[in-house]
Amino acid sequence: MNSITRVRIEEMITRKLDAAFASEERQGLNDAIELAVLEFEKGEEIKPLLEVVFNSCQDTDEVLIEWSKILNDYAKVA
């Protein structure tokens, strides 16, 4: 995935998470998770963990930081 595409996906994830926090609408969270695991063949495995992290965080920035750590580690072993 090229860097421009990655940045655009990250922007979409941020907007979806902002919407999920603002309205407590699950669809925004589901969309953000789908986008976050887009580059992984077996992304289904990590989705529940990303949802748990979202539920334990207070804002979008915190979620993005924690998701980044998890996804970077997952990329190393996937």
N, C-alpha and C. Protein backbone atom coordinates (compact mmCIF):
# COMPACT_ATOMS: atom_id res chain seq x y z
N MET A 1 0.86 -1.16 0.00
CA MET A 1 0.00 0.00 0.00
C MET A 1 0.91 1.23 0.00
N ASN A 2 0.66 2.16 -0.90
CA ASN A 2 1.53 3.33 -0.96
C ASN A 2 1.20 4.32 0.15
N SER A 3 2.09 5.26 0.38
CA SER A 3 1.96 6.17 1.51
C SER A 3 0.76 7.11 1.39
N ILE A 4 0.43 7.53 0.17
CA ILE A 4 -0.72 8.42 -0.01
C ILE A 4 -2.01 7.69 0.34
N THR A 5 -2.12 6.46 -0.11
CA THR A 5 -3.30 5.66 0.22
C THR A 5 -3.40 5.43 1.71
N ARG A 6 -2.28 5.12 2.33
CA ARG A 6 -2.25 4.88 3.78
C ARG A 6 -2.72 6.11 4.55
N VAL A 7 -2.27 7.29 4.15
CA VAL A 7 -2.66 8.54 4.82
C VAL A 7 -4.16 8.77 4.66
N ARG A 8 -4.69 8.53 3.49
CA ARG A 8 -6.13 8.72 3.28
C ARG A 8 -6.95 7.73 4.10
N ILE A 9 -6.48 6.52 4.20
CA ILE A 9 -7.18 5.54 5.02
C ILE A 9 -7.13 5.96 6.49
N GLU A 10 -5.99 6.43 6.94
CA GLU A 10 -5.87 6.90 8.32
C GLU A 10 -6.81 8.07 8.59
N GLU A 11 -6.97 8.96 7.63
CA GLU A 11 -7.90 10.09 7.78
C GLU A 11 -9.34 9.58 7.88
N MET A 12 -9.70 8.60 7.07
CA MET A 12 -11.04 8.02 7.13
C MET A 12 -11.28 7.32 8.47
N ILE A 13 -10.28 6.60 8.94
CA ILE A 13 -10.39 5.94 10.25
C ILE A 13 -10.63 6.97 11.33
N THR A 14 -9.88 8.06 11.30
CA THR A 14 -10.03 9.11 12.30
C THR A 14 -11.44 9.69 12.27
N ARG A 15 -11.96 9.98 11.09
CA ARG A 15 -13.33 10.52 10.98
C ARG A 15 -14.37 9.53 11.52
N LYS A 16 -14.18 8.26 11.19
CA LYS A 16 -15.12 7.23 11.65
C LYS A 16 -15.09 7.10 13.18
N LEU A 17 -13.88 7.14 13.74
CA LEU A 17 -13.77 7.06 15.21
C LEU A 17 -14.36 8.28 15.88
N ASP A 18 -14.11 9.46 15.31
CA ASP A 18 -14.71 10.69 15.85
C ASP A 18 -16.24 10.56 15.87
N ALA A 19 -16.80 10.06 14.78
CA ALA A 19 -18.25 9.88 14.70
C ALA A 19 -18.73 8.86 15.73
N ALA A 20 -17.97 7.80 15.90
CA ALA A 20 -18.36 6.76 16.87
C ALA A 20 -18.36 7.31 18.29
N PHE A 21 -17.38 8.14 18.63
CA PHE A 21 -17.35 8.74 19.97
C PHE A 21 -18.45 9.77 20.12
N ALA A 22 -18.73 10.54 19.08
CA ALA A 22 -19.72 11.61 19.16
C ALA A 22 -21.15 11.08 19.29
N SER A 23 -21.45 10.02 18.59
CA SER A 23 -22.84 9.56 18.56
C SER A 23 -23.05 8.19 19.19
N GLU A 24 -21.98 7.57 19.61
CA GLU A 24 -22.03 6.21 20.13
C GLU A 24 -22.65 5.25 19.11
N GLU A 25 -22.51 5.60 17.86
CA GLU A 25 -23.02 4.76 16.77
C GLU A 25 -21.98 3.68 16.46
N ARG A 26 -22.39 2.45 16.46
CA ARG A 26 -21.47 1.33 16.25
C ARG A 26 -21.01 1.21 14.80
N GLN A 27 -21.80 1.74 13.86
CA GLN A 27 -21.41 1.59 12.46
C GLN A 27 -20.10 2.31 12.17
N GLY A 28 -19.90 3.47 12.76
CA GLY A 28 -18.64 4.19 12.59
C GLY A 28 -17.47 3.39 13.10
N LEU A 29 -17.65 2.75 14.24
CA LEU A 29 -16.60 1.90 14.81
C LEU A 29 -16.34 0.71 13.90
N ASN A 30 -17.39 0.06 13.45
CA ASN A 30 -17.23 -1.10 12.57
C ASN A 30 -16.49 -0.72 11.30
N ASP A 31 -16.84 0.42 10.73
CA ASP A 31 -16.16 0.89 9.52
C ASP A 31 -14.69 1.17 9.79
N ALA A 32 -14.41 1.80 10.92
CA ALA A 32 -13.01 2.12 11.27
C ALA A 32 -12.19 0.85 11.44
N ILE A 33 -12.77 -0.15 12.08
CA ILE A 33 -12.07 -1.42 12.27
C ILE A 33 -11.81 -2.09 10.93
N GLU A 34 -12.81 -2.09 10.05
CA GLU A 34 -12.63 -2.68 8.71
C GLU A 34 -11.48 -2.00 7.97
N LEU A 35 -11.43 -0.68 8.05
CA LEU A 35 -10.35 0.06 7.38
C LEU A 35 -8.99 -0.23 8.03
N ALA A 36 -8.98 -0.38 9.35
CA ALA A 36 -7.73 -0.61 10.06
C ALA A 36 -7.08 -1.95 9.69
N VAL A 37 -7.90 -2.93 9.41
CA VAL A 37 -7.36 -4.27 9.11
C VAL A 37 -7.33 -4.56 7.61
N LEU A 38 -7.57 -3.58 6.81
CA LEU A 38 -7.67 -3.73 5.36
C LEU A 38 -6.46 -4.40 4.73
N GLU A 39 -5.28 -4.08 5.22
CA GLU A 39 -4.06 -4.61 4.59
C GLU A 39 -3.68 -6.01 5.05
N PHE A 40 -4.41 -6.58 5.99
CA PHE A 40 -4.09 -7.90 6.50
C PHE A 40 -5.01 -8.96 5.89
N GLU A 41 -4.42 -10.09 5.51
CA GLU A 41 -5.21 -11.18 4.95
C GLU A 41 -6.16 -11.78 5.98
N LYS A 42 -5.69 -11.90 7.20
CA LYS A 42 -6.49 -12.50 8.27
C LYS A 42 -6.87 -11.45 9.31
N GLY A 43 -7.42 -10.35 8.83
CA GLY A 43 -7.79 -9.25 9.71
C GLY A 43 -8.90 -9.58 10.69
N GLU A 44 -9.70 -10.59 10.36
CA GLU A 44 -10.80 -10.97 11.25
C GLU A 44 -10.29 -11.35 12.64
N GLU A 45 -9.09 -11.89 12.70
CA GLU A 45 -8.53 -12.34 13.98
C GLU A 45 -8.34 -11.21 14.97
N ILE A 46 -8.05 -10.03 14.48
CA ILE A 46 -7.67 -8.93 15.36
C ILE A 46 -8.82 -7.96 15.65
N LYS A 47 -9.90 -8.07 14.91
CA LYS A 47 -11.03 -7.15 15.08
C LYS A 47 -11.58 -7.10 16.50
N PRO A 48 -11.79 -8.24 17.16
CA PRO A 48 -12.33 -8.17 18.54
C PRO A 48 -11.41 -7.39 19.49
N LEU A 49 -10.11 -7.54 19.32
CA LEU A 49 -9.17 -6.81 20.16
C LEU A 49 -9.26 -5.31 19.91
N LEU A 50 -9.40 -4.91 18.66
CA LEU A 50 -9.52 -3.49 18.35
C LEU A 50 -10.79 -2.90 18.97
N GLU A 51 -11.85 -3.67 18.98
CA GLU A 51 -13.09 -3.19 19.60
C GLU A 51 -12.94 -3.03 21.11
N VAL A 52 -12.26 -3.97 21.74
CA VAL A 52 -12.02 -3.88 23.19
C VAL A 52 -11.19 -2.63 23.50
N VAL A 53 -10.18 -2.39 22.69
CA VAL A 53 -9.34 -1.20 22.90
C VAL A 53 -10.18 0.06 22.75
N PHE A 54 -11.02 0.13 21.73
CA PHE A 54 -11.90 1.28 21.55
C PHE A 54 -12.75 1.51 22.80
N ASN A 55 -13.34 0.45 23.31
CA ASN A 55 -14.22 0.56 24.47
C ASN A 55 -13.49 1.01 25.73
N SER A 56 -12.19 0.81 25.78
CA SER A 56 -11.43 1.18 26.98
C SER A 56 -10.77 2.56 26.86
N CYS A 57 -10.88 3.19 25.71
CA CYS A 57 -10.24 4.49 25.49
C CYS A 57 -11.23 5.63 25.64
N GLN A 58 -10.67 6.83 25.87
CA GLN A 58 -11.50 8.00 26.11
C GLN A 58 -11.72 8.87 24.88
N ASP A 59 -10.82 8.78 23.90
CA ASP A 59 -10.95 9.62 22.71
C ASP A 59 -10.25 8.99 21.51
N THR A 60 -10.44 9.63 20.37
CA THR A 60 -9.91 9.11 19.11
C THR A 60 -8.39 9.00 19.13
N ASP A 61 -7.72 10.01 19.64
CA ASP A 61 -6.25 9.97 19.66
C ASP A 61 -5.73 8.78 20.44
N GLU A 62 -6.33 8.52 21.57
CA GLU A 62 -5.92 7.38 22.39
C GLU A 62 -6.14 6.06 21.63
N VAL A 63 -7.28 5.94 20.97
CA VAL A 63 -7.57 4.74 20.18
C VAL A 63 -6.53 4.57 19.08
N LEU A 64 -6.24 5.64 18.37
CA LEU A 64 -5.29 5.55 17.26
C LEU A 64 -3.90 5.13 17.74
N ILE A 65 -3.48 5.64 18.86
CA ILE A 65 -2.17 5.27 19.41
C ILE A 65 -2.15 3.79 19.77
N GLU A 66 -3.18 3.34 20.47
CA GLU A 66 -3.22 1.93 20.90
C GLU A 66 -3.39 0.99 19.72
N TRP A 67 -4.26 1.35 18.77
CA TRP A 67 -4.43 0.52 17.58
C TRP A 67 -3.12 0.43 16.80
N SER A 68 -2.41 1.53 16.72
CA SER A 68 -1.15 1.55 15.99
C SER A 68 -0.16 0.55 16.59
N LYS A 69 -0.07 0.53 17.90
CA LYS A 69 0.83 -0.41 18.58
C LYS A 69 0.43 -1.85 18.26
N ILE A 70 -0.85 -2.13 18.37
CA ILE A 70 -1.35 -3.49 18.14
C ILE A 70 -1.12 -3.90 16.69
N LEU A 71 -1.48 -3.03 15.77
CA LEU A 71 -1.36 -3.37 14.35
C LEU A 71 0.09 -3.51 13.92
N ASN A 72 0.97 -2.70 14.48
CA ASN A 72 2.40 -2.85 14.17
C ASN A 72 2.93 -4.20 14.65
N ASP A 73 2.54 -4.58 15.86
CA ASP A 73 2.95 -5.89 16.37
C ASP A 73 2.35 -7.02 15.54
N TYR A 74 1.09 -6.88 15.17
CA TYR A 74 0.41 -7.89 14.37
C TYR A 74 1.08 -8.05 13.02
N ALA A 75 1.49 -6.94 12.42
CA ALA A 75 2.15 -6.97 11.11
C ALA A 75 3.47 -7.74 11.18
N LYS A 76 4.13 -7.70 12.32
CA LYS A 76 5.39 -8.41 12.48
C LYS A 76 5.21 -9.92 12.49
N VAL A 77 4.09 -10.37 13.02
CA VAL A 77 3.88 -11.82 13.14
C VAL A 77 2.95 -12.40 12.08
N ALA A 78 2.23 -11.54 11.39
CA ALA A 78 1.26 -12.02 10.38
C ALA A 78 1.96 -12.43 9.10
